[in-house]
């Protein structure tokens, strides 16, 4: 279970507050107006932003003392964070080792991860030789190999068209079900939340609200969500 215990985090004059929990294995969409604190929320959970107060806990363990790389968290960024000079296979392999020379077992793991996201045979291509959707699949394969139980998505598919974005969202949901991962997904598109999310975290006016069941929230939106949706 992910728990945010009286969490306070921010930068400059902005502050975000959160006090809630999300059961393990759930997919939650994080929505709200631009500048409302969605990325701040993910950064605090991932360890890129130190809370000013409160705690982030995973199954009761305080993650505060842990560096980002030591946390049970994998994160997909908006730009996919791929290295342009590395091949798709080499980018994925970074989840296992920073070394360019892999063991036979590690090569097999990389190939299996690429195949799992629909990129079998694409390992030798560099990011510039891949479409936006394929680049997103490479990033997802790398996350898959990290084998972290908590996956944070900071709008990694926002540049894709509706069809490709839908395919990637479905793949995320499928992988989450297979691995039992808990997912927090930032999105500006309500249809993304409705497509795969069990719950929605509304972030507005300096507060990340407790997760609410997706359809119930959209059926009777609070004023802040109504204003966001227009």
Protein backbone atom coordinates (compact mmCIF):
# COMPACT_ATOMS: atom_id res chain seq x y z
CA UNK A 1 0.00 0.00 0.00
CA UNK A 2 1.16 3.52 -0.84
CA UNK A 3 0.51 5.97 2.00
CA UNK A 4 0.97 9.72 2.02
CA UNK A 5 0.98 10.74 5.65
CA UNK A 6 0.31 14.47 6.12
CA UNK A 7 2.63 15.14 3.18
CA UNK A 8 3.70 18.70 2.39
CA UNK A 9 5.97 19.43 -0.56
CA UNK A 10 6.65 22.23 -2.99
CA UNK A 11 9.04 24.67 -4.57
CA UNK A 12 9.22 28.45 -4.60
CA UNK A 13 5.90 29.81 -3.33
CA UNK A 14 3.95 26.68 -4.30
CA UNK A 15 2.92 24.07 -1.72
CA UNK A 16 1.08 20.77 -2.18
CA UNK A 17 -0.63 18.79 0.58
CA UNK A 18 -1.73 15.14 0.51
CA UNK A 19 -3.13 12.73 3.09
CA UNK A 20 -4.35 9.42 1.63
CA UNK A 21 -3.52 5.83 0.77
CA UNK A 22 -3.77 3.68 -2.35
CA UNK A 23 -4.00 -0.12 -2.10
CA UNK A 24 -1.33 -2.12 -3.89
CA UNK A 25 -2.18 -3.24 -7.41
CA UNK A 26 -4.43 -0.30 -8.23
CA UNK A 27 -4.12 2.07 -11.18
CA UNK A 28 -4.86 5.69 -10.29
CA UNK A 29 -5.00 8.61 -12.71
CA UNK A 30 -3.72 11.96 -11.43
CA UNK A 31 -5.60 14.83 -13.07
CA UNK A 32 -6.07 18.54 -12.54
CA UNK A 33 -5.22 21.95 -13.97
CA UNK A 34 -1.75 22.78 -15.24
CA UNK A 35 0.51 24.00 -12.47
CA UNK A 36 -1.70 22.36 -9.84
CA UNK A 37 1.00 20.08 -8.49
CA UNK A 38 0.65 16.78 -10.35
CA UNK A 39 4.36 16.47 -11.15
CA UNK A 40 5.20 17.74 -7.66
CA UNK A 41 3.23 14.83 -6.23
CA UNK A 42 5.11 12.28 -8.32
CA UNK A 43 8.48 13.89 -7.60
CA UNK A 44 7.85 13.69 -3.86
CA UNK A 45 6.92 10.00 -4.08
CA UNK A 46 9.89 9.20 -6.32
CA UNK A 47 12.34 11.04 -4.07
CA UNK A 48 13.30 13.81 -6.50
CA UNK A 49 11.71 16.37 -4.17
CA UNK A 50 12.21 16.19 -0.41
CA UNK A 51 8.98 16.75 1.57
CA UNK A 52 8.89 19.70 3.93
CA UNK A 53 6.68 17.68 6.26
CA UNK A 54 5.01 14.30 6.44
CA UNK A 55 6.04 10.96 5.02
CA UNK A 56 5.73 8.70 1.98
CA UNK A 57 5.34 5.07 2.98
CA UNK A 58 5.25 1.85 0.98
CA UNK A 59 3.79 -1.14 2.85
CA UNK A 60 4.49 0.75 6.08
CA UNK A 61 8.13 1.55 5.30
CA UNK A 62 9.15 5.21 5.34
CA UNK A 63 10.79 6.00 1.99
CA UNK A 64 12.17 9.32 3.23
CA UNK A 65 15.71 8.09 3.98
CA UNK A 66 16.01 6.36 0.58
CA UNK A 67 17.53 7.92 -2.53
CA UNK A 68 15.40 7.75 -5.69
CA UNK A 69 17.28 4.75 -7.04
CA UNK A 70 16.80 2.85 -3.80
CA UNK A 71 13.02 3.29 -3.71
CA UNK A 72 10.56 0.66 -4.96
CA UNK A 73 9.66 3.14 -7.71
CA UNK A 74 10.11 3.26 -11.48
CA UNK A 75 9.20 6.39 -13.40
CA UNK A 76 8.31 7.09 -17.01
CA UNK A 77 8.90 10.71 -18.02
CA UNK A 78 7.25 12.80 -20.71
CA UNK A 79 10.31 12.63 -23.00
CA UNK A 80 10.88 8.89 -22.34
CA UNK A 81 14.43 9.74 -21.17
CA UNK A 82 16.17 7.62 -23.83
CA UNK A 83 19.85 8.11 -24.68
CA UNK A 84 20.05 8.95 -28.41
CA UNK A 85 23.51 7.40 -28.90
CA UNK A 86 22.42 4.02 -27.51
CA UNK A 87 20.39 1.38 -29.30
CA UNK A 88 16.98 0.34 -28.05
CA UNK A 89 18.51 -2.76 -26.48
CA UNK A 90 21.25 -0.73 -24.79
CA UNK A 91 18.70 1.74 -23.41
CA UNK A 92 16.65 -1.12 -21.98
CA UNK A 93 19.74 -2.82 -20.56
CA UNK A 94 20.41 0.20 -18.34
CA UNK A 95 17.72 -1.21 -16.06
CA UNK A 96 20.10 -4.10 -15.32
CA UNK A 97 23.59 -2.58 -15.48
CA UNK A 98 25.39 0.60 -16.59
CA UNK A 99 27.96 -1.56 -18.41
CA UNK A 100 27.78 -1.93 -22.19
CA UNK A 101 28.94 -5.56 -22.03
CA UNK A 102 26.11 -7.88 -21.00
CA UNK A 103 26.08 -11.48 -19.97
CA UNK A 104 24.14 -13.96 -22.09
CA UNK A 105 21.44 -14.05 -19.41
CA UNK A 106 21.14 -10.26 -19.39
CA UNK A 107 20.89 -10.14 -23.20
CA UNK A 108 18.09 -12.69 -23.02
CA UNK A 109 16.27 -10.56 -20.43
CA UNK A 110 16.56 -7.47 -22.63
CA UNK A 111 15.31 -9.32 -25.70
CA UNK A 112 12.39 -10.74 -23.73
CA UNK A 113 11.44 -7.29 -22.41
CA UNK A 114 11.50 -5.80 -25.92
CA UNK A 115 9.41 -8.68 -27.23
CA UNK A 116 6.93 -8.22 -24.41
CA UNK A 117 6.25 -4.63 -25.48
CA UNK A 118 5.97 -5.57 -29.15
CA UNK A 119 9.48 -4.64 -30.29
CA UNK A 120 11.03 -7.99 -31.08
CA UNK A 121 13.79 -7.44 -33.63
CA UNK A 122 14.07 -3.70 -32.92
CA UNK A 123 16.96 -3.91 -30.43
CA UNK A 124 19.63 -2.59 -32.81
CA UNK A 125 17.73 0.59 -33.70
CA UNK A 126 18.52 3.93 -32.11
CA UNK A 127 15.73 6.22 -30.82
CA UNK A 128 15.87 8.46 -33.91
CA UNK A 129 15.02 5.41 -36.02
CA UNK A 130 11.88 4.69 -33.99
CA UNK A 131 8.44 6.29 -34.00
CA UNK A 132 7.17 8.10 -30.92
CA UNK A 133 5.08 5.10 -29.94
CA UNK A 134 8.05 2.76 -30.36
CA UNK A 135 10.23 5.02 -28.22
CA UNK A 136 7.55 4.86 -25.52
CA UNK A 137 7.63 1.06 -25.74
CA UNK A 138 11.43 1.05 -25.29
CA UNK A 139 11.06 3.19 -22.16
CA UNK A 140 8.32 0.88 -20.91
CA UNK A 141 10.51 -2.18 -21.53
CA UNK A 142 13.26 -0.59 -19.43
CA UNK A 143 10.78 0.08 -16.63
CA UNK A 144 9.59 -3.52 -16.90
CA UNK A 145 13.14 -4.80 -16.31
CA UNK A 146 13.53 -2.61 -13.22
CA UNK A 147 10.93 -4.83 -11.55
CA UNK A 148 9.74 -2.09 -9.20
CA UNK A 149 6.28 -2.48 -7.64
CA UNK A 150 5.32 1.20 -7.94
CA UNK A 151 5.14 2.78 -11.39
CA UNK A 152 4.81 6.54 -11.87
CA UNK A 153 3.85 7.90 -15.29
CA UNK A 154 4.38 11.63 -15.85
CA UNK A 155 2.47 12.02 -19.14
CA UNK A 156 4.89 9.83 -21.15
CA UNK A 157 2.39 9.33 -23.98
CA UNK A 158 1.03 12.87 -24.27
CA UNK A 159 2.74 13.52 -27.62
CA UNK A 160 1.14 10.48 -29.24
CA UNK A 161 -2.04 10.48 -31.27
CA UNK A 162 -5.22 9.03 -29.74
CA UNK A 163 -4.81 5.55 -31.26
CA UNK A 164 -1.15 5.14 -30.23
CA UNK A 165 -1.83 6.60 -26.79
CA UNK A 166 -4.66 4.15 -26.29
CA UNK A 167 -2.41 1.24 -27.26
CA UNK A 168 0.25 2.35 -24.77
CA UNK A 169 -2.29 2.80 -21.98
CA UNK A 170 -3.69 -0.66 -22.62
CA UNK A 171 -0.17 -2.09 -22.54
CA UNK A 172 0.56 -0.36 -19.22
CA UNK A 173 -2.65 -1.76 -17.74
CA UNK A 174 -1.83 -5.25 -19.04
CA UNK A 175 1.70 -5.17 -17.62
CA UNK A 176 0.42 -3.82 -14.30
CA UNK A 177 -2.02 -6.72 -14.03
CA UNK A 178 0.71 -9.23 -14.88
CA UNK A 179 3.20 -7.87 -12.35
CA UNK A 180 0.83 -6.61 -9.66
CA UNK A 181 2.34 -3.12 -9.94
CA UNK A 182 0.66 -0.07 -8.45
CA UNK A 183 0.39 2.77 -10.98
CA UNK A 184 0.02 6.54 -10.62
CA UNK A 185 -0.54 8.12 -14.03
CA UNK A 186 -0.57 11.88 -14.65
CA UNK A 187 -2.89 12.78 -17.51
CA UNK A 188 -4.71 15.81 -18.88
CA UNK A 189 -7.20 13.59 -20.71
CA UNK A 190 -10.23 12.34 -18.76
CA UNK A 191 -10.68 9.58 -21.34
CA UNK A 192 -7.29 8.15 -20.32
CA UNK A 193 -8.47 7.86 -16.74
CA UNK A 194 -11.69 6.21 -17.81
CA UNK A 195 -9.82 3.80 -20.06
CA UNK A 196 -7.56 2.13 -17.47
CA UNK A 197 -7.77 3.77 -14.03
CA UNK A 198 -9.50 2.23 -11.04
CA UNK A 199 -9.38 5.56 -9.22
CA UNK A 200 -8.66 9.23 -9.78
CA UNK A 201 -6.55 11.60 -7.68
CA UNK A 202 -7.72 15.16 -8.27
CA UNK A 203 -4.90 17.69 -7.78
CA UNK A 204 -6.11 21.28 -7.50
CA UNK A 205 -5.79 24.33 -5.27
CA UNK A 206 -2.70 23.01 -3.52
CA UNK A 207 -4.11 19.64 -2.51
CA UNK A 208 -3.95 16.13 -3.92
CA UNK A 209 -7.33 14.71 -2.98
CA UNK A 210 -7.76 11.11 -1.84
CA UNK A 211 -8.31 8.61 -4.69
CA UNK A 212 -11.95 8.21 -5.70
CA UNK A 213 -13.42 5.46 -7.91
CA UNK A 214 -13.16 6.70 -11.47
CA UNK A 215 -16.74 6.43 -12.68
CA UNK A 216 -18.19 7.68 -9.41
CA UNK A 217 -15.99 10.78 -9.51
CA UNK A 218 -16.87 11.65 -13.10
CA UNK A 219 -20.56 10.94 -12.53
CA UNK A 220 -20.69 13.49 -9.72
CA UNK A 221 -17.62 15.73 -10.06
CA UNK A 222 -16.71 18.11 -7.24
CA UNK A 223 -16.50 21.83 -8.09
CA UNK A 224 -12.74 21.75 -8.72
CA UNK A 225 -13.07 18.88 -11.20
CA UNK A 226 -16.11 20.47 -12.83
CA UNK A 227 -14.15 23.67 -13.36
CA UNK A 228 -11.21 21.71 -14.82
CA UNK A 229 -13.40 19.72 -17.21
CA UNK A 230 -15.33 22.81 -18.25
